[in-house]
């Protein structure tokens, strides 16, 4: 059971990374990859929208801010993965 949970968390972490990289190009994805992207999009969008409401973008320059929701979600997934090891 522990192994399955760790594998699912690892898949979610990889999915979050790929989701963040492919989001600007979602309209140009092939059909075989669009289904996988849509799955992760349906999974991550509610969580990211909630986190965006709670955590405001971090100002890093004049007119430049970083969306912290993906970083916070990544940290939460890594913490869940690390808690299972103890």
C-alpha atoms as a PDB file:
ATOM      1  CA  UNK A   1       0.000   0.000   0.000  1.00  0.00           C
ATOM      2  CA  UNK A   2       2.844   2.380   0.888  1.00  0.00           C
ATOM      3  CA  UNK A   3       4.502   1.698  -2.462  1.00  0.00           C
ATOM      4  CA  UNK A   4       1.311   2.494  -4.380  1.00  0.00           C
ATOM      5  CA  UNK A   5       0.836   5.804  -2.546  1.00  0.00           C
ATOM      6  CA  UNK A   6       4.451   6.783  -3.216  1.00  0.00           C
ATOM      7  CA  UNK A   7       4.075   5.926  -6.893  1.00  0.00           C
ATOM      8  CA  UNK A   8       0.864   7.970  -7.148  1.00  0.00           C
ATOM      9  CA  UNK A   9       2.534  10.962  -5.493  1.00  0.00           C
ATOM     10  CA  UNK A  10       5.498  10.668  -7.855  1.00  0.00           C
ATOM     11  CA  UNK A  11       3.131  10.538 -10.837  1.00  0.00           C
ATOM     12  CA  UNK A  12       1.338  13.651  -9.533  1.00  0.00           C
ATOM     13  CA  UNK A  13       4.635  15.497  -9.141  1.00  0.00           C
ATOM     14  CA  UNK A  14       5.710  14.611 -12.684  1.00  0.00           C
ATOM     15  CA  UNK A  15       2.220  15.473 -13.935  1.00  0.00           C
ATOM     16  CA  UNK A  16       2.365  18.874 -12.236  1.00  0.00           C
ATOM     17  CA  UNK A  17       5.728  19.583 -13.834  1.00  0.00           C
ATOM     18  CA  UNK A  18       4.537  18.600 -17.299  1.00  0.00           C
ATOM     19  CA  UNK A  19       1.248  20.461 -16.801  1.00  0.00           C
ATOM     20  CA  UNK A  20       3.088  23.665 -15.944  1.00  0.00           C
ATOM     21  CA  UNK A  21       5.408  23.317 -18.942  1.00  0.00           C
ATOM     22  CA  UNK A  22       2.683  22.415 -21.465  1.00  0.00           C
ATOM     23  CA  UNK A  23      -0.033  24.823 -20.302  1.00  0.00           C
ATOM     24  CA  UNK A  24       1.005  27.641 -22.693  1.00  0.00           C
ATOM     25  CA  UNK A  25       0.982  25.152 -25.597  1.00  0.00           C
ATOM     26  CA  UNK A  26      -2.171  23.168 -24.774  1.00  0.00           C
ATOM     27  CA  UNK A  27      -3.856  24.135 -28.052  1.00  0.00           C
ATOM     28  CA  UNK A  28      -1.026  22.620 -30.101  1.00  0.00           C
ATOM     29  CA  UNK A  29      -0.911  19.193 -28.404  1.00  0.00           C
ATOM     30  CA  UNK A  30      -1.507  16.004 -30.409  1.00  0.00           C
ATOM     31  CA  UNK A  31      -4.697  14.100 -29.635  1.00  0.00           C
ATOM     32  CA  UNK A  32      -2.822  11.262 -27.933  1.00  0.00           C
ATOM     33  CA  UNK A  33      -1.237  13.687 -25.440  1.00  0.00           C
ATOM     34  CA  UNK A  34      -4.220  16.026 -25.143  1.00  0.00           C
ATOM     35  CA  UNK A  35      -6.189  13.403 -23.196  1.00  0.00           C
ATOM     36  CA  UNK A  36      -3.436  13.042 -20.626  1.00  0.00           C
ATOM     37  CA  UNK A  37      -3.065  16.808 -20.379  1.00  0.00           C
ATOM     38  CA  UNK A  38      -6.824  17.203 -19.909  1.00  0.00           C
ATOM     39  CA  UNK A  39      -6.773  14.601 -17.125  1.00  0.00           C
ATOM     40  CA  UNK A  40      -4.084  16.479 -15.209  1.00  0.00           C
ATOM     41  CA  UNK A  41      -5.762  19.792 -16.004  1.00  0.00           C
ATOM     42  CA  UNK A  42      -9.045  18.596 -14.451  1.00  0.00           C
ATOM     43  CA  UNK A  43      -7.099  17.325 -11.464  1.00  0.00           C
ATOM     44  CA  UNK A  44      -4.872  20.354 -10.860  1.00  0.00           C
ATOM     45  CA  UNK A  45      -7.105  23.284 -11.891  1.00  0.00           C
ATOM     46  CA  UNK A  46      -9.409  23.162  -8.824  1.00  0.00           C
ATOM     47  CA  UNK A  47      -6.442  22.871  -6.466  1.00  0.00           C
ATOM     48  CA  UNK A  48      -4.484  25.639  -8.188  1.00  0.00           C
ATOM     49  CA  UNK A  49      -7.521  27.942  -8.321  1.00  0.00           C
ATOM     50  CA  UNK A  50      -8.056  27.445  -4.593  1.00  0.00           C
ATOM     51  CA  UNK A  51      -4.392  28.156  -3.848  1.00  0.00           C
ATOM     52  CA  UNK A  52      -4.462  31.260  -6.073  1.00  0.00           C
ATOM     53  CA  UNK A  53      -7.284  32.605  -3.913  1.00  0.00           C
ATOM     54  CA  UNK A  54      -5.323  31.958  -0.721  1.00  0.00           C
ATOM     55  CA  UNK A  55      -1.777  32.805  -1.838  1.00  0.00           C
ATOM     56  CA  UNK A  56      -1.177  35.969  -3.815  1.00  0.00           C
ATOM     57  CA  UNK A  57       1.504  36.214  -6.536  1.00  0.00           C
ATOM     58  CA  UNK A  58       4.985  37.058  -5.295  1.00  0.00           C
ATOM     59  CA  UNK A  59       6.328  40.356  -6.647  1.00  0.00           C
ATOM     60  CA  UNK A  60       9.825  39.811  -8.098  1.00  0.00           C
ATOM     61  CA  UNK A  61      10.226  43.007 -10.077  1.00  0.00           C
ATOM     62  CA  UNK A  62       8.509  46.029 -11.505  1.00  0.00           C
ATOM     63  CA  UNK A  63       5.301  44.658 -13.006  1.00  0.00           C
ATOM     64  CA  UNK A  64       6.592  41.084 -12.658  1.00  0.00           C
ATOM     65  CA  UNK A  65       5.074  38.550 -10.271  1.00  0.00           C
ATOM     66  CA  UNK A  66       5.408  34.780  -9.854  1.00  0.00           C
ATOM     67  CA  UNK A  67       2.320  32.587  -9.430  1.00  0.00           C
ATOM     68  CA  UNK A  68       3.086  30.753  -6.198  1.00  0.00           C
ATOM     69  CA  UNK A  69       0.202  28.257  -6.409  1.00  0.00           C
ATOM     70  CA  UNK A  70       2.163  25.658  -8.422  1.00  0.00           C
ATOM     71  CA  UNK A  71       5.168  25.985  -6.114  1.00  0.00           C
ATOM     72  CA  UNK A  72       3.008  25.561  -3.008  1.00  0.00           C
ATOM     73  CA  UNK A  73       1.267  22.522  -4.531  1.00  0.00           C
ATOM     74  CA  UNK A  74       4.652  21.003  -5.373  1.00  0.00           C
ATOM     75  CA  UNK A  75       5.850  21.573  -1.811  1.00  0.00           C
ATOM     76  CA  UNK A  76       2.692  19.950  -0.441  1.00  0.00           C
ATOM     77  CA  UNK A  77       3.140  16.905  -2.683  1.00  0.00           C
ATOM     78  CA  UNK A  78       6.807  16.613  -1.686  1.00  0.00           C
ATOM     79  CA  UNK A  79       5.870  16.878   1.984  1.00  0.00           C
ATOM     80  CA  UNK A  80       3.280  14.131   1.574  1.00  0.00           C
ATOM     81  CA  UNK A  81       5.882  11.980  -0.125  1.00  0.00           C
ATOM     82  CA  UNK A  82       8.396  12.677   2.658  1.00  0.00           C
ATOM     83  CA  UNK A  83       5.916  12.048   5.495  1.00  0.00           C
ATOM     84  CA  UNK A  84       5.302   8.542   4.190  1.00  0.00           C
ATOM     85  CA  UNK A  85       8.960   7.660   4.661  1.00  0.00           C
ATOM     86  CA  UNK A  86       8.924   8.137   8.425  1.00  0.00           C
END
